[in-house]
C-alpha atoms as a PDB file:
ATOM      1  CA  MET A   1     -20.900 -21.643  28.165  1.00  0.00           C
ATOM      2  CA  MET A   2     -20.127 -18.020  27.199  1.00  0.00           C
ATOM      3  CA  ALA A   3     -17.247 -17.171  24.926  1.00  0.00           C
ATOM      4  CA  PRO A   4     -14.298 -15.411  26.533  1.00  0.00           C
ATOM      5  CA  VAL A   5     -14.562 -11.602  26.600  1.00  0.00           C
ATOM      6  CA  THR A   6     -11.722 -11.156  24.085  1.00  0.00           C
ATOM      7  CA  ALA A   7     -13.425 -13.408  21.539  1.00  0.00           C
ATOM      8  CA  ARG A   8     -16.678 -11.448  21.807  1.00  0.00           C
ATOM      9  CA  LEU A   9     -14.913  -8.086  21.427  1.00  0.00           C
ATOM     10  CA  PHE A  10     -12.941  -9.041  18.335  1.00  0.00           C
ATOM     11  CA  ALA A  11     -15.548 -11.139  16.505  1.00  0.00           C
ATOM     12  CA  PRO A  12     -17.502  -8.219  14.908  1.00  0.00           C
ATOM     13  CA  PRO A  13     -14.399  -6.376  13.575  1.00  0.00           C
ATOM     14  CA  PHE A  14     -12.989  -9.664  12.292  1.00  0.00           C
ATOM     15  CA  ALA A  15     -16.266 -10.484  10.549  1.00  0.00           C
ATOM     16  CA  LEU A  16     -16.299  -6.999   8.994  1.00  0.00           C
ATOM     17  CA  LEU A  17     -12.747  -7.412   7.671  1.00  0.00           C
ATOM     18  CA  VAL A  18     -13.548 -10.832   6.201  1.00  0.00           C
ATOM     19  CA  GLY A  19     -16.697  -9.416   4.582  1.00  0.00           C
ATOM     20  CA  LEU A  20     -14.781  -6.504   3.052  1.00  0.00           C
ATOM     21  CA  ALA A  21     -12.088  -8.817   1.738  1.00  0.00           C
ATOM     22  CA  LEU A  22     -14.667 -11.104   0.130  1.00  0.00           C
ATOM     23  CA  ALA A  23     -16.526  -8.159  -1.389  1.00  0.00           C
ATOM     24  CA  ALA A  24     -13.290  -6.789  -2.839  1.00  0.00           C
ATOM     25  CA  CYS A  25     -12.454 -10.171  -4.379  1.00  0.00           C
ATOM     26  CA  GLY A  26     -15.719 -10.077  -6.292  1.00  0.00           C
ATOM     27  CA  GLN A  27     -14.942  -6.774  -8.008  1.00  0.00           C
ATOM     28  CA  SER A  28     -13.409  -7.666 -11.340  1.00  0.00           C
ATOM     29  CA  ALA A  29     -12.962  -4.017 -12.294  1.00  0.00           C
ATOM     30  CA  GLY A  30     -11.258  -3.167  -9.015  1.00  0.00           C
ATOM     31  CA  VAL A  31      -7.743  -1.868  -8.540  1.00  0.00           C
ATOM     32  CA  SER A  32      -6.897  -3.820  -5.424  1.00  0.00           C
ATOM     33  CA  PRO A  33      -3.514  -5.574  -5.444  1.00  0.00           C
ATOM     34  CA  THR A  34      -4.370  -7.479  -2.286  1.00  0.00           C
ATOM     35  CA  ALA A  35      -7.946  -8.520  -3.047  1.00  0.00           C
ATOM     36  CA  GLY A  36      -8.544 -10.531  -6.204  1.00  0.00           C
ATOM     37  CA  THR A  37      -5.441  -9.519  -8.156  1.00  0.00           C
ATOM     38  CA  SER A  38      -2.079 -11.148  -7.649  1.00  0.00           C
ATOM     39  CA  ALA A  39       1.046  -9.099  -7.019  1.00  0.00           C
ATOM     40  CA  ARG A  40       2.575 -10.554 -10.189  1.00  0.00           C
ATOM     41  CA  ALA A  41      -0.426  -9.398 -12.256  1.00  0.00           C
ATOM     42  CA  MET A  42      -0.213  -5.903 -10.794  1.00  0.00           C
ATOM     43  CA  GLU A  43       3.518  -5.722 -11.551  1.00  0.00           C
ATOM     44  CA  SER A  44       3.042  -6.884 -15.142  1.00  0.00           C
ATOM     45  CA  GLU A  45       0.168  -4.443 -15.654  1.00  0.00           C
ATOM     46  CA  GLY A  46       2.281  -1.703 -14.132  1.00  0.00           C
ATOM     47  CA  LEU A  47       1.187   1.787 -13.248  1.00  0.00           C
ATOM     48  CA  ALA A  48      -0.709   2.295 -16.508  1.00  0.00           C
ATOM     49  CA  ARG A  49      -3.963   1.707 -14.605  1.00  0.00           C
ATOM     50  CA  PHE A  50      -3.650   5.109 -12.936  1.00  0.00           C
ATOM     51  CA  SER A  51      -4.918   7.596 -15.480  1.00  0.00           C
ATOM     52  CA  ASP A  52      -6.149  10.119 -12.902  1.00  0.00           C
ATOM     53  CA  VAL A  53      -2.983  10.824 -10.878  1.00  0.00           C
ATOM     54  CA  ALA A  54       0.565  11.735 -11.816  1.00  0.00           C
ATOM     55  CA  VAL A  55       3.104   8.910 -11.625  1.00  0.00           C
ATOM     56  CA  PRO A  56       6.794   9.879 -11.913  1.00  0.00           C
ATOM     57  CA  PRO A  57       8.789   8.227 -14.716  1.00  0.00           C
ATOM     58  CA  GLY A  58      10.602   5.105 -13.528  1.00  0.00           C
ATOM     59  CA  ALA A  59       8.546   4.806 -10.323  1.00  0.00           C
ATOM     60  CA  LYS A  60       7.851   1.331  -8.960  1.00  0.00           C
ATOM     61  CA  MET A  61       4.738   0.398  -7.024  1.00  0.00           C
ATOM     62  CA  ASP A  62       5.395  -0.982  -3.538  1.00  0.00           C
ATOM     63  CA  LEU A  63       2.735  -3.697  -3.393  1.00  0.00           C
ATOM     64  CA  GLU A  64       3.286  -4.314   0.323  1.00  0.00           C
ATOM     65  CA  ARG A  65       2.356  -0.716   1.192  1.00  0.00           C
ATOM     66  CA  THR A  66      -0.330  -0.139  -1.459  1.00  0.00           C
ATOM     67  CA  LEU A  67      -4.016  -0.614  -0.675  1.00  0.00           C
ATOM     68  CA  LEU A  68      -6.500   0.340  -3.395  1.00  0.00           C
ATOM     69  CA  LEU A  69     -10.232  -0.158  -3.786  1.00  0.00           C
ATOM     70  CA  GLY A  70     -12.476   0.727  -6.709  1.00  0.00           C
ATOM     71  CA  ALA A  71     -12.236   1.231 -10.435  1.00  0.00           C
ATOM     72  CA  ARG A  72      -9.785   3.262 -12.512  1.00  0.00           C
ATOM     73  CA  GLU A  73     -10.869   6.897 -12.011  1.00  0.00           C
ATOM     74  CA  THR A  74     -12.903   6.324  -8.852  1.00  0.00           C
ATOM     75  CA  TRP A  75     -10.379   4.368  -6.781  1.00  0.00           C
ATOM     76  CA  ILE A  76      -9.710   5.239  -3.175  1.00  0.00           C
ATOM     77  CA  GLY A  77      -6.893   4.137  -0.915  1.00  0.00           C
ATOM     78  CA  ARG A  78      -3.123   4.490  -0.876  1.00  0.00           C
ATOM     79  CA  LEU A  79      -0.730   4.099  -3.798  1.00  0.00           C
ATOM     80  CA  HIS A  80       2.866   3.792  -2.592  1.00  0.00           C
ATOM     81  CA  LEU A  81       5.711   4.378  -5.056  1.00  0.00           C
ATOM     82  CA  ASP A  82       9.485   4.086  -4.827  1.00  0.00           C
ATOM     83  CA  THR A  83      11.582   6.251  -7.109  1.00  0.00           C
ATOM     84  CA  SER A  84      15.180   7.311  -7.662  1.00  0.00           C
ATOM     85  CA  GLN A  85      14.237  11.006  -7.838  1.00  0.00           C
ATOM     86  CA  SER A  86      14.910  13.448  -4.996  1.00  0.00           C
ATOM     87  CA  VAL A  87      12.235  14.840  -2.688  1.00  0.00           C
ATOM     88  CA  ASN A  88      12.658  18.270  -4.320  1.00  0.00           C
ATOM     89  CA  GLU A  89      12.299  16.875  -7.845  1.00  0.00           C
ATOM     90  CA  LEU A  90       9.148  14.984  -6.855  1.00  0.00           C
ATOM     91  CA  PHE A  91       7.696  18.003  -5.072  1.00  0.00           C
ATOM     92  CA  GLU A  92       8.030  20.084  -8.237  1.00  0.00           C
ATOM     93  CA  PHE A  93       6.782  17.179 -10.387  1.00  0.00           C
ATOM     94  CA  TYR A  94       3.533  16.904  -8.415  1.00  0.00           C
ATOM     95  CA  ARG A  95       2.940  20.671  -8.237  1.00  0.00           C
ATOM     96  CA  ARG A  96       3.370  20.855 -12.012  1.00  0.00           C
ATOM     97  CA  THR A  97       1.570  17.693 -13.158  1.00  0.00           C
ATOM     98  CA  MET A  98      -1.390  17.089 -10.824  1.00  0.00           C
ATOM     99  CA  PRO A  99      -3.293  20.083 -12.292  1.00  0.00           C
ATOM    100  CA  THR A 100      -2.960  18.499 -15.760  1.00  0.00           C
ATOM    101  CA  PHE A 101      -4.995  15.570 -14.376  1.00  0.00           C
ATOM    102  CA  GLY A 102      -7.761  17.920 -13.208  1.00  0.00           C
ATOM    103  CA  TRP A 103      -6.605  18.283  -9.582  1.00  0.00           C
ATOM    104  CA  THR A 104      -6.618  21.696  -7.864  1.00  0.00           C
ATOM    105  CA  GLU A 105      -3.949  22.400  -5.253  1.00  0.00           C
ATOM    106  CA  LEU A 106      -5.309  23.064  -1.742  1.00  0.00           C
ATOM    107  CA  THR A 107      -2.298  23.080   0.571  1.00  0.00           C
ATOM    108  CA  VAL A 108       1.435  22.501   0.347  1.00  0.00           C
ATOM    109  CA  ILE A 109       4.061  21.821   2.995  1.00  0.00           C
ATOM    110  CA  ARG A 110       7.649  21.672   1.771  1.00  0.00           C
ATOM    111  CA  ALA A 111       9.861  19.987   4.363  1.00  0.00           C
ATOM    112  CA  ALA A 112      11.956  16.857   4.929  1.00  0.00           C
ATOM    113  CA  THR A 113       8.660  15.042   4.380  1.00  0.00           C
ATOM    114  CA  SER A 114       6.670  17.172   1.934  1.00  0.00           C
ATOM    115  CA  ILE A 115       2.883  17.016   1.766  1.00  0.00           C
ATOM    116  CA  LEU A 116       0.703  18.300  -1.058  1.00  0.00           C
ATOM    117  CA  THR A 117      -3.095  18.184  -0.967  1.00  0.00           C
ATOM    118  CA  PHE A 118      -5.293  18.376  -4.066  1.00  0.00           C
ATOM    119  CA  VAL A 119      -9.036  18.228  -4.753  1.00  0.00           C
ATOM    120  CA  ARG A 120     -10.825  16.955  -7.853  1.00  0.00           C
ATOM    121  CA  GLU A 121     -14.606  16.742  -8.069  1.00  0.00           C
ATOM    122  CA  ASP A 122     -15.660  14.628  -5.074  1.00  0.00           C
ATOM    123  CA  ARG A 123     -12.203  13.297  -4.137  1.00  0.00           C
ATOM    124  CA  VAL A 124      -9.188  14.566  -2.197  1.00  0.00           C
ATOM    125  CA  ALA A 125      -5.612  13.427  -2.887  1.00  0.00           C
ATOM    126  CA  THR A 126      -2.778  13.817  -0.407  1.00  0.00           C
ATOM    127  CA  VAL A 127       0.737  13.296  -1.773  1.00  0.00           C
ATOM    128  CA  GLN A 128       3.404  12.604   0.849  1.00  0.00           C
ATOM    129  CA  ILE A 129       7.020  12.602  -0.324  1.00  0.00           C
ATOM    130  CA  GLY A 130       9.974  11.506   1.791  1.00  0.00           C
ATOM    131  CA  ARG A 131      13.517  10.196   1.456  1.00  0.00           C
ATOM    132  CA  SER A 132      14.027   6.496   0.962  1.00  0.00           C
ATOM    133  CA  GLY A 133      17.435   4.884   0.978  1.00  0.00           C
ATOM    134  CA  LEU A 134      20.599   6.748   0.039  1.00  0.00           C
ATOM    135  CA  LEU A 135      19.487   8.407  -3.192  1.00  0.00           C
ATOM    136  CA  GLY A 136      15.798   7.696  -3.652  1.00  0.00           C
ATOM    137  CA  SER A 137      12.457   8.877  -2.425  1.00  0.00           C
ATOM    138  CA  SER A 138       9.108   7.341  -1.661  1.00  0.00           C
ATOM    139  CA  VAL A 139       5.715   8.763  -2.576  1.00  0.00           C
ATOM    140  CA  SER A 140       2.457   7.880  -0.892  1.00  0.00           C
ATOM    141  CA  ILE A 141      -0.673   9.081  -2.679  1.00  0.00           C
ATOM    142  CA  THR A 142      -3.796   8.758  -0.560  1.00  0.00           C
ATOM    143  CA  VAL A 143      -7.115   9.368  -2.297  1.00  0.00           C
ATOM    144  CA  ALA A 144     -10.380   9.559  -0.370  1.00  0.00           C
ATOM    145  CA  PRO A 145     -13.892  10.871  -0.903  1.00  0.00           C
ATOM    146  CA  LYS A 146     -14.308  14.558  -0.152  1.00  0.00           C
ATOM    147  CA  GLY A 147     -16.283  15.248   3.038  1.00  0.00           C
ATOM    148  CA  ALA A 148     -19.791  16.632   2.823  1.00  0.00           C
ATOM    149  CA  SER A 149     -20.220  20.405   3.187  1.00  0.00           C
END
């Protein structure tokens, strides 16, 4: 008897996700809070693992919204931070400090949700800054491989 159509359509993507999760668990040098490293371990280790991007003082990693793959200076994914600083303070912080980590500014949009894009070697980083709560802000840093020319 044939499997229902829905089961056949979703089986390959599900198998791919399971395979990726298992592969990520096997990477001991990885920076993945969801695959192989407990949330408690990531919190105790803190943000010191990120030596290639600027992290504002006092920022806290939001483990529910963070998804990282790879090793220290070659990681890709999204690092989500919560901070008590304003959007304007963070905007200036990233414009000033990302170049000290070797990133070159590509584009900047200053708005209610500000977006800064940087390039470094074969990677692109997009920093999105928005309000969070009454006085704080959230920062989402997405790093991905740079597209081929």
